Amino acid sequence: MPEKVTKTDQEWRRELTPEQYRVLREKATERPFTGEYDHVFEDGVYRCAGCGAELFRSETKYDSGCGWPAFYAPTSEDAVATEEDTSYFMRRTEVLCAACDGHLGHVFPDGPHPTGLRYCINSAALRLEEE
């Protein structure tokens, strides 16, 4: 398990951009097809924009056409956490950074092989470290 990152709300507000704060701390969603990483396919590691934890690798990123960066697997089983999300009269599975509990997006069971999963992640929650 990654080491837990705990900060006050004031610390998060100081360290994150307003959009990152809205997404990571208030569980907002950026508009589809507007995120920085939607159509970026450079080699590298996608880290949490809040705490820097490694979340996804570029090899698992694909163009799902959903309007947000999509991955079929996190870097490890303990990189992300999930919980049920029943907001907006829907039943979805929310994806969180396991280290800082930041909201990343949602996971759906309509992805490609080998996992069959689509991790639909907000660009504002990510930082690409190119290799």
C-alpha atoms as a PDB file:
ATOM      1  CA  MET A   1       0.000   0.000   0.000  1.00  0.00           C
ATOM      2  CA  PRO A   2       1.233   3.513  -0.754  1.00  0.00           C
ATOM      3  CA  GLU A   3       2.042   5.783   2.151  1.00  0.00           C
ATOM      4  CA  LYS A   4      -1.002   7.925   3.010  1.00  0.00           C
ATOM      5  CA  VAL A   5      -0.797  11.630   2.227  1.00  0.00           C
ATOM      6  CA  THR A   6      -2.842  13.795   4.577  1.00  0.00           C
ATOM      7  CA  LYS A   7      -3.153  17.564   4.180  1.00  0.00           C
ATOM      8  CA  THR A   8      -5.511  20.215   5.445  1.00  0.00           C
ATOM      9  CA  ASP A   9      -8.020  21.783   3.093  1.00  0.00           C
ATOM     10  CA  GLN A  10      -5.977  24.981   3.237  1.00  0.00           C
ATOM     11  CA  GLU A  11      -2.832  23.101   2.148  1.00  0.00           C
ATOM     12  CA  TRP A  12      -4.678  21.457  -0.769  1.00  0.00           C
ATOM     13  CA  ARG A  13      -6.049  24.837  -1.908  1.00  0.00           C
ATOM     14  CA  ARG A  14      -2.588  26.390  -1.758  1.00  0.00           C
ATOM     15  CA  GLU A  15      -0.880  23.558  -3.692  1.00  0.00           C
ATOM     16  CA  LEU A  16      -3.478  22.778  -6.392  1.00  0.00           C
ATOM     17  CA  THR A  17      -4.843  24.889  -9.223  1.00  0.00           C
ATOM     18  CA  PRO A  18      -8.541  25.754  -8.866  1.00  0.00           C
ATOM     19  CA  GLU A  19      -9.449  23.080 -11.467  1.00  0.00           C
ATOM     20  CA  GLN A  20      -7.288  20.429  -9.778  1.00  0.00           C
ATOM     21  CA  TYR A  21      -8.884  21.270  -6.433  1.00  0.00           C
ATOM     22  CA  ARG A  22     -12.409  21.017  -7.897  1.00  0.00           C
ATOM     23  CA  VAL A  23     -11.672  17.586  -9.386  1.00  0.00           C
ATOM     24  CA  LEU A  24      -9.414  16.001  -6.772  1.00  0.00           C
ATOM     25  CA  ARG A  25     -10.967  17.366  -3.577  1.00  0.00           C
ATOM     26  CA  GLU A  26     -14.587  18.212  -4.554  1.00  0.00           C
ATOM     27  CA  LYS A  27     -15.153  15.263  -6.946  1.00  0.00           C
ATOM     28  CA  ALA A  28     -15.929  17.467  -9.945  1.00  0.00           C
ATOM     29  CA  THR A  29     -15.606  16.301 -13.539  1.00  0.00           C
ATOM     30  CA  GLU A  30     -14.002  18.310 -16.306  1.00  0.00           C
ATOM     31  CA  ARG A  31     -16.020  18.743 -19.491  1.00  0.00           C
ATOM     32  CA  PRO A  32     -15.472  15.950 -22.042  1.00  0.00           C
ATOM     33  CA  PHE A  33     -12.831  16.497 -24.748  1.00  0.00           C
ATOM     34  CA  THR A  34     -11.328  19.491 -22.900  1.00  0.00           C
ATOM     35  CA  GLY A  35      -8.668  17.832 -20.747  1.00  0.00           C
ATOM     36  CA  GLU A  36      -4.959  18.201 -21.402  1.00  0.00           C
ATOM     37  CA  TYR A  37      -4.291  14.453 -21.666  1.00  0.00           C
ATOM     38  CA  ASP A  38      -7.331  13.261 -23.631  1.00  0.00           C
ATOM     39  CA  HIS A  39      -5.341  12.787 -26.851  1.00  0.00           C
ATOM     40  CA  VAL A  40      -1.784  12.586 -25.492  1.00  0.00           C
ATOM     41  CA  PHE A  41      -0.001   9.284 -26.063  1.00  0.00           C
ATOM     42  CA  GLU A  42       3.595  10.070 -25.077  1.00  0.00           C
ATOM     43  CA  ASP A  43       5.558   7.405 -23.210  1.00  0.00           C
ATOM     44  CA  GLY A  44       5.627   7.897 -19.480  1.00  0.00           C
ATOM     45  CA  VAL A  45       3.990   7.585 -16.108  1.00  0.00           C
ATOM     46  CA  TYR A  46       0.777   9.314 -15.138  1.00  0.00           C
ATOM     47  CA  ARG A  47       0.985  10.506 -11.543  1.00  0.00           C
ATOM     48  CA  CYS A  48      -1.594  11.983  -9.189  1.00  0.00           C
ATOM     49  CA  ALA A  49      -1.595  15.763  -9.621  1.00  0.00           C
ATOM     50  CA  GLY A  50      -2.218  16.077  -5.897  1.00  0.00           C
ATOM     51  CA  CYS A  51       0.423  13.887  -4.319  1.00  0.00           C
ATOM     52  CA  GLY A  52       2.622  12.542  -7.120  1.00  0.00           C
ATOM     53  CA  ALA A  53       1.742   8.873  -6.603  1.00  0.00           C
ATOM     54  CA  GLU A  54       2.217   6.665  -9.670  1.00  0.00           C
ATOM     55  CA  LEU A  55      -1.218   5.742 -11.031  1.00  0.00           C
ATOM     56  CA  PHE A  56      -1.095   4.651 -14.692  1.00  0.00           C
ATOM     57  CA  ARG A  57       1.517   3.917 -17.370  1.00  0.00           C
ATOM     58  CA  SER A  58       1.245   5.090 -20.961  1.00  0.00           C
ATOM     59  CA  GLU A  59       1.224   1.481 -22.238  1.00  0.00           C
ATOM     60  CA  THR A  60      -2.256   1.038 -20.750  1.00  0.00           C
ATOM     61  CA  LYS A  61      -3.690   4.269 -22.207  1.00  0.00           C
ATOM     62  CA  TYR A  62      -5.968   4.068 -25.226  1.00  0.00           C
ATOM     63  CA  ASP A  63      -8.405   6.257 -27.151  1.00  0.00           C
ATOM     64  CA  SER A  64     -11.824   5.172 -25.943  1.00  0.00           C
ATOM     65  CA  GLY A  65     -13.608   8.120 -27.539  1.00  0.00           C
ATOM     66  CA  CYS A  66     -15.251   8.967 -24.209  1.00  0.00           C
ATOM     67  CA  GLY A  67     -13.716  12.458 -23.941  1.00  0.00           C
ATOM     68  CA  TRP A  68     -11.381  11.760 -21.026  1.00  0.00           C
ATOM     69  CA  PRO A  69      -8.054   9.931 -20.783  1.00  0.00           C
ATOM     70  CA  ALA A  70      -8.774   6.195 -20.635  1.00  0.00           C
ATOM     71  CA  PHE A  71      -6.613   3.392 -19.273  1.00  0.00           C
ATOM     72  CA  TYR A  72      -7.298  -0.332 -19.034  1.00  0.00           C
ATOM     73  CA  ALA A  73      -5.283  -0.860 -15.824  1.00  0.00           C
ATOM     74  CA  PRO A  74      -3.524   1.066 -13.047  1.00  0.00           C
ATOM     75  CA  THR A  75       0.202   0.555 -12.430  1.00  0.00           C
ATOM     76  CA  SER A  76      -0.574  -1.779  -9.540  1.00  0.00           C
ATOM     77  CA  GLU A  77      -3.586  -3.089  -7.656  1.00  0.00           C
ATOM     78  CA  ASP A  78      -2.885  -0.803  -4.720  1.00  0.00           C
ATOM     79  CA  ALA A  79      -2.281   2.402  -6.765  1.00  0.00           C
ATOM     80  CA  VAL A  80      -5.991   3.257  -6.856  1.00  0.00           C
ATOM     81  CA  ALA A  81      -8.973   2.622  -4.629  1.00  0.00           C
ATOM     82  CA  THR A  82     -12.617   2.386  -5.654  1.00  0.00           C
ATOM     83  CA  GLU A  83     -15.928   3.087  -4.005  1.00  0.00           C
ATOM     84  CA  GLU A  84     -19.556   3.163  -5.038  1.00  0.00           C
ATOM     85  CA  ASP A  85     -20.803   6.500  -6.383  1.00  0.00           C
ATOM     86  CA  THR A  86     -24.560   7.062  -6.505  1.00  0.00           C
ATOM     87  CA  SER A  87     -24.492  10.788  -7.307  1.00  0.00           C
ATOM     88  CA  TYR A  88     -26.651  12.241 -10.086  1.00  0.00           C
ATOM     89  CA  PHE A  89     -29.092   9.318  -9.818  1.00  0.00           C
ATOM     90  CA  MET A  90     -26.528   6.918 -11.286  1.00  0.00           C
ATOM     91  CA  ARG A  91     -24.661   3.925  -9.946  1.00  0.00           C
ATOM     92  CA  ARG A  92     -20.978   4.096 -10.845  1.00  0.00           C
ATOM     93  CA  THR A  93     -17.620   3.045  -9.438  1.00  0.00           C
ATOM     94  CA  GLU A  94     -15.490   6.007  -8.418  1.00  0.00           C
ATOM     95  CA  VAL A  95     -11.692   5.789  -8.742  1.00  0.00           C
ATOM     96  CA  LEU A  96      -9.551   7.445  -6.063  1.00  0.00           C
ATOM     97  CA  CYS A  97      -5.824   7.899  -5.581  1.00  0.00           C
ATOM     98  CA  ALA A  98      -4.971   5.310  -2.921  1.00  0.00           C
ATOM     99  CA  ALA A  99      -2.329   7.622  -1.425  1.00  0.00           C
ATOM    100  CA  CYS A 100      -4.265  10.904  -1.006  1.00  0.00           C
ATOM    101  CA  ASP A 101      -7.900   9.877  -1.612  1.00  0.00           C
ATOM    102  CA  GLY A 102      -8.149  12.370  -4.468  1.00  0.00           C
ATOM    103  CA  HIS A 103     -11.009  11.829  -6.915  1.00  0.00           C
ATOM    104  CA  LEU A 104      -9.634  10.659 -10.266  1.00  0.00           C
ATOM    105  CA  GLY A 105     -12.723   9.619 -12.223  1.00  0.00           C
ATOM    106  CA  HIS A 106     -14.690   6.393 -12.703  1.00  0.00           C
ATOM    107  CA  VAL A 107     -14.110   2.849 -13.931  1.00  0.00           C
ATOM    108  CA  PHE A 108     -16.473   1.034 -16.286  1.00  0.00           C
ATOM    109  CA  PRO A 109     -16.657  -2.617 -17.439  1.00  0.00           C
ATOM    110  CA  ASP A 110     -16.494  -1.777 -21.167  1.00  0.00           C
ATOM    111  CA  GLY A 111     -12.752  -1.563 -21.767  1.00  0.00           C
ATOM    112  CA  PRO A 112     -10.394  -3.555 -23.991  1.00  0.00           C
ATOM    113  CA  HIS A 113      -8.489  -6.733 -23.275  1.00  0.00           C
ATOM    114  CA  PRO A 114      -6.742  -7.838 -21.190  1.00  0.00           C
ATOM    115  CA  THR A 115      -8.798  -6.360 -18.295  1.00  0.00           C
ATOM    116  CA  GLY A 116     -12.085  -5.374 -19.922  1.00  0.00           C
ATOM    117  CA  LEU A 117     -12.003  -2.188 -17.809  1.00  0.00           C
ATOM    118  CA  ARG A 118     -12.052   1.484 -18.807  1.00  0.00           C
ATOM    119  CA  TYR A 119     -10.567   3.803 -16.211  1.00  0.00           C
ATOM    120  CA  CYS A 120     -12.039   7.133 -17.324  1.00  0.00           C
ATOM    121  CA  ILE A 121      -9.815   9.711 -15.604  1.00  0.00           C
ATOM    122  CA  ASN A 122      -9.895  13.509 -15.433  1.00  0.00           C
ATOM    123  CA  SER A 123      -6.811  15.177 -16.930  1.00  0.00           C
ATOM    124  CA  ALA A 124      -6.834  17.673 -14.048  1.00  0.00           C
ATOM    125  CA  ALA A 125      -6.177  14.784 -11.654  1.00  0.00           C
ATOM    126  CA  LEU A 126      -3.072  13.682 -13.566  1.00  0.00           C
ATOM    127  CA  ARG A 127       0.478  14.806 -14.260  1.00  0.00           C
ATOM    128  CA  LEU A 128       2.404  13.056 -17.030  1.00  0.00           C
ATOM    129  CA  GLU A 129       6.045  12.333 -16.325  1.00  0.00           C
ATOM    130  CA  GLU A 130       7.448  11.618 -19.781  1.00  0.00           C
ATOM    131  CA  GLU A 131      10.114   8.960 -20.227  1.00  0.00           C
END
